[in-house]
Amino acid sequence: MKIEKKVWPEFFERILRGEKKYELRLADFECRSGDVLVLKEWDPTMKQYTGRMMEKEVTFVLKTSEVKFWPKEDVEKYGLQIISFR
């Protein structure tokens, strides 16, 4: 399945350069390994698409509601961070 999503310019550029290899998104849509994210650059200042886009294959999805490692109080106090590595 192809899923279109907006990406702000600073993040779009980092994905394009290969520095950013993850997305943090609200889980308000279904996404599975093998799906394709169609990432469309969105300028929030102008409130319009820039015309640039790219496609990325989804290799892994983890919904944070599935993660039960930490007490709710700790998550509320410190938050969560997404760490990318190679």
C-alpha atoms as a PDB file:
ATOM      1  CA  MET A   1       0.000   0.000   0.000  1.00  0.00           C
ATOM      2  CA  LYS A   2       1.199   3.559  -0.679  1.00  0.00           C
ATOM      3  CA  ILE A   3       0.689   6.081   2.116  1.00  0.00           C
ATOM      4  CA  GLU A   4       1.140   9.814   1.470  1.00  0.00           C
ATOM      5  CA  LYS A   5       2.458  11.994   4.300  1.00  0.00           C
ATOM      6  CA  LYS A   6       3.612  15.584   4.641  1.00  0.00           C
ATOM      7  CA  VAL A   7       7.208  16.227   5.736  1.00  0.00           C
ATOM      8  CA  TRP A   8       8.585  19.625   6.751  1.00  0.00           C
ATOM      9  CA  PRO A   9      11.573  20.858   4.714  1.00  0.00           C
ATOM     10  CA  GLU A  10      14.292  20.370   7.370  1.00  0.00           C
ATOM     11  CA  PHE A  11      13.285  16.734   7.873  1.00  0.00           C
ATOM     12  CA  PHE A  12      12.707  16.107   4.151  1.00  0.00           C
ATOM     13  CA  GLU A  13      16.268  17.282   3.431  1.00  0.00           C
ATOM     14  CA  ARG A  14      17.764  15.039   6.119  1.00  0.00           C
ATOM     15  CA  ILE A  15      15.882  12.022   4.769  1.00  0.00           C
ATOM     16  CA  LEU A  16      17.012  12.910   1.253  1.00  0.00           C
ATOM     17  CA  ARG A  17      20.670  13.068   2.394  1.00  0.00           C
ATOM     18  CA  GLY A  18      20.321   9.705   4.141  1.00  0.00           C
ATOM     19  CA  GLU A  19      20.894  11.112   7.649  1.00  0.00           C
ATOM     20  CA  LYS A  20      17.364  10.472   8.946  1.00  0.00           C
ATOM     21  CA  LYS A  21      16.171   6.902   8.572  1.00  0.00           C
ATOM     22  CA  TYR A  22      13.049   6.891  10.699  1.00  0.00           C
ATOM     23  CA  GLU A  23       9.713   8.649  11.095  1.00  0.00           C
ATOM     24  CA  LEU A  24       7.856   9.431  14.284  1.00  0.00           C
ATOM     25  CA  ARG A  25       4.142   9.688  13.512  1.00  0.00           C
ATOM     26  CA  LEU A  26       0.842   9.669  15.319  1.00  0.00           C
ATOM     27  CA  ALA A  27      -0.532   6.166  14.860  1.00  0.00           C
ATOM     28  CA  ASP A  28      -3.780   7.414  13.284  1.00  0.00           C
ATOM     29  CA  PHE A  29      -3.300   5.271  10.158  1.00  0.00           C
ATOM     30  CA  GLU A  30      -2.347   1.685   9.390  1.00  0.00           C
ATOM     31  CA  CYS A  31       1.221   1.085   8.267  1.00  0.00           C
ATOM     32  CA  ARG A  32       3.010  -2.253   7.794  1.00  0.00           C
ATOM     33  CA  SER A  33       6.372  -3.541   6.640  1.00  0.00           C
ATOM     34  CA  GLY A  34       6.421  -3.523   2.851  1.00  0.00           C
ATOM     35  CA  ASP A  35       4.180  -0.455   2.547  1.00  0.00           C
ATOM     36  CA  VAL A  36       5.595   2.590   0.763  1.00  0.00           C
ATOM     37  CA  LEU A  37       5.629   6.030   2.360  1.00  0.00           C
ATOM     38  CA  VAL A  38       5.227   8.762  -0.230  1.00  0.00           C
ATOM     39  CA  LEU A  39       6.866  11.667   1.566  1.00  0.00           C
ATOM     40  CA  LYS A  40       5.804  15.036   0.172  1.00  0.00           C
ATOM     41  CA  GLU A  41       7.696  18.120   1.277  1.00  0.00           C
ATOM     42  CA  TRP A  42       5.345  20.605   2.952  1.00  0.00           C
ATOM     43  CA  ASP A  43       6.242  24.208   3.726  1.00  0.00           C
ATOM     44  CA  PRO A  44       4.406  25.085   6.975  1.00  0.00           C
ATOM     45  CA  THR A  45       5.078  28.806   6.528  1.00  0.00           C
ATOM     46  CA  MET A  46       3.559  28.976   3.054  1.00  0.00           C
ATOM     47  CA  LYS A  47       1.045  26.220   3.904  1.00  0.00           C
ATOM     48  CA  GLN A  48       1.650  24.409   0.620  1.00  0.00           C
ATOM     49  CA  TYR A  49       3.596  21.554  -0.932  1.00  0.00           C
ATOM     50  CA  THR A  50       6.968  22.434  -2.474  1.00  0.00           C
ATOM     51  CA  GLY A  51       6.652  19.883  -5.277  1.00  0.00           C
ATOM     52  CA  ARG A  52       9.429  17.633  -3.975  1.00  0.00           C
ATOM     53  CA  MET A  53       8.588  14.084  -2.985  1.00  0.00           C
ATOM     54  CA  MET A  54      10.256  10.729  -2.415  1.00  0.00           C
ATOM     55  CA  GLU A  55       9.179   7.162  -1.756  1.00  0.00           C
ATOM     56  CA  LYS A  56      10.560   5.026   1.081  1.00  0.00           C
ATOM     57  CA  GLU A  57       9.781   1.381   1.791  1.00  0.00           C
ATOM     58  CA  VAL A  58       8.646   0.664   5.350  1.00  0.00           C
ATOM     59  CA  THR A  59      10.901  -1.966   6.949  1.00  0.00           C
ATOM     60  CA  PHE A  60       9.648  -1.943  10.562  1.00  0.00           C
ATOM     61  CA  VAL A  61       6.761  -0.440  12.543  1.00  0.00           C
ATOM     62  CA  LEU A  62       6.534  -0.268  16.339  1.00  0.00           C
ATOM     63  CA  LYS A  63       3.570   1.439  17.938  1.00  0.00           C
ATOM     64  CA  THR A  64       4.538   3.002  21.259  1.00  0.00           C
ATOM     65  CA  SER A  65       1.288   1.864  22.859  1.00  0.00           C
ATOM     66  CA  GLU A  66       2.776  -1.658  22.550  1.00  0.00           C
ATOM     67  CA  VAL A  67       5.851  -0.695  24.612  1.00  0.00           C
ATOM     68  CA  LYS A  68       5.333  -1.454  28.309  1.00  0.00           C
ATOM     69  CA  PHE A  69       8.958  -1.210  29.539  1.00  0.00           C
ATOM     70  CA  TRP A  70       8.550   1.884  31.701  1.00  0.00           C
ATOM     71  CA  PRO A  71       5.970   3.092  34.194  1.00  0.00           C
ATOM     72  CA  LYS A  72       3.493   5.638  32.803  1.00  0.00           C
ATOM     73  CA  GLU A  73       4.730   8.212  35.314  1.00  0.00           C
ATOM     74  CA  ASP A  74       8.300   7.971  33.961  1.00  0.00           C
ATOM     75  CA  VAL A  75       7.125   8.338  30.367  1.00  0.00           C
ATOM     76  CA  GLU A  76       5.100  11.419  31.321  1.00  0.00           C
ATOM     77  CA  LYS A  77       8.068  12.883  33.232  1.00  0.00           C
ATOM     78  CA  TYR A  78      10.848  12.179  30.701  1.00  0.00           C
ATOM     79  CA  GLY A  79       9.057  11.421  27.414  1.00  0.00           C
ATOM     80  CA  LEU A  80      10.355   8.976  24.848  1.00  0.00           C
ATOM     81  CA  GLN A  81      13.097   9.383  22.283  1.00  0.00           C
ATOM     82  CA  ILE A  82      13.565   7.679  18.947  1.00  0.00           C
ATOM     83  CA  ILE A  83      17.188   6.713  18.323  1.00  0.00           C
ATOM     84  CA  SER A  84      18.458   5.893  14.864  1.00  0.00           C
ATOM     85  CA  PHE A  85      21.621   3.873  14.398  1.00  0.00           C
ATOM     86  CA  ARG A  86      23.608   2.052  11.718  1.00  0.00           C
END
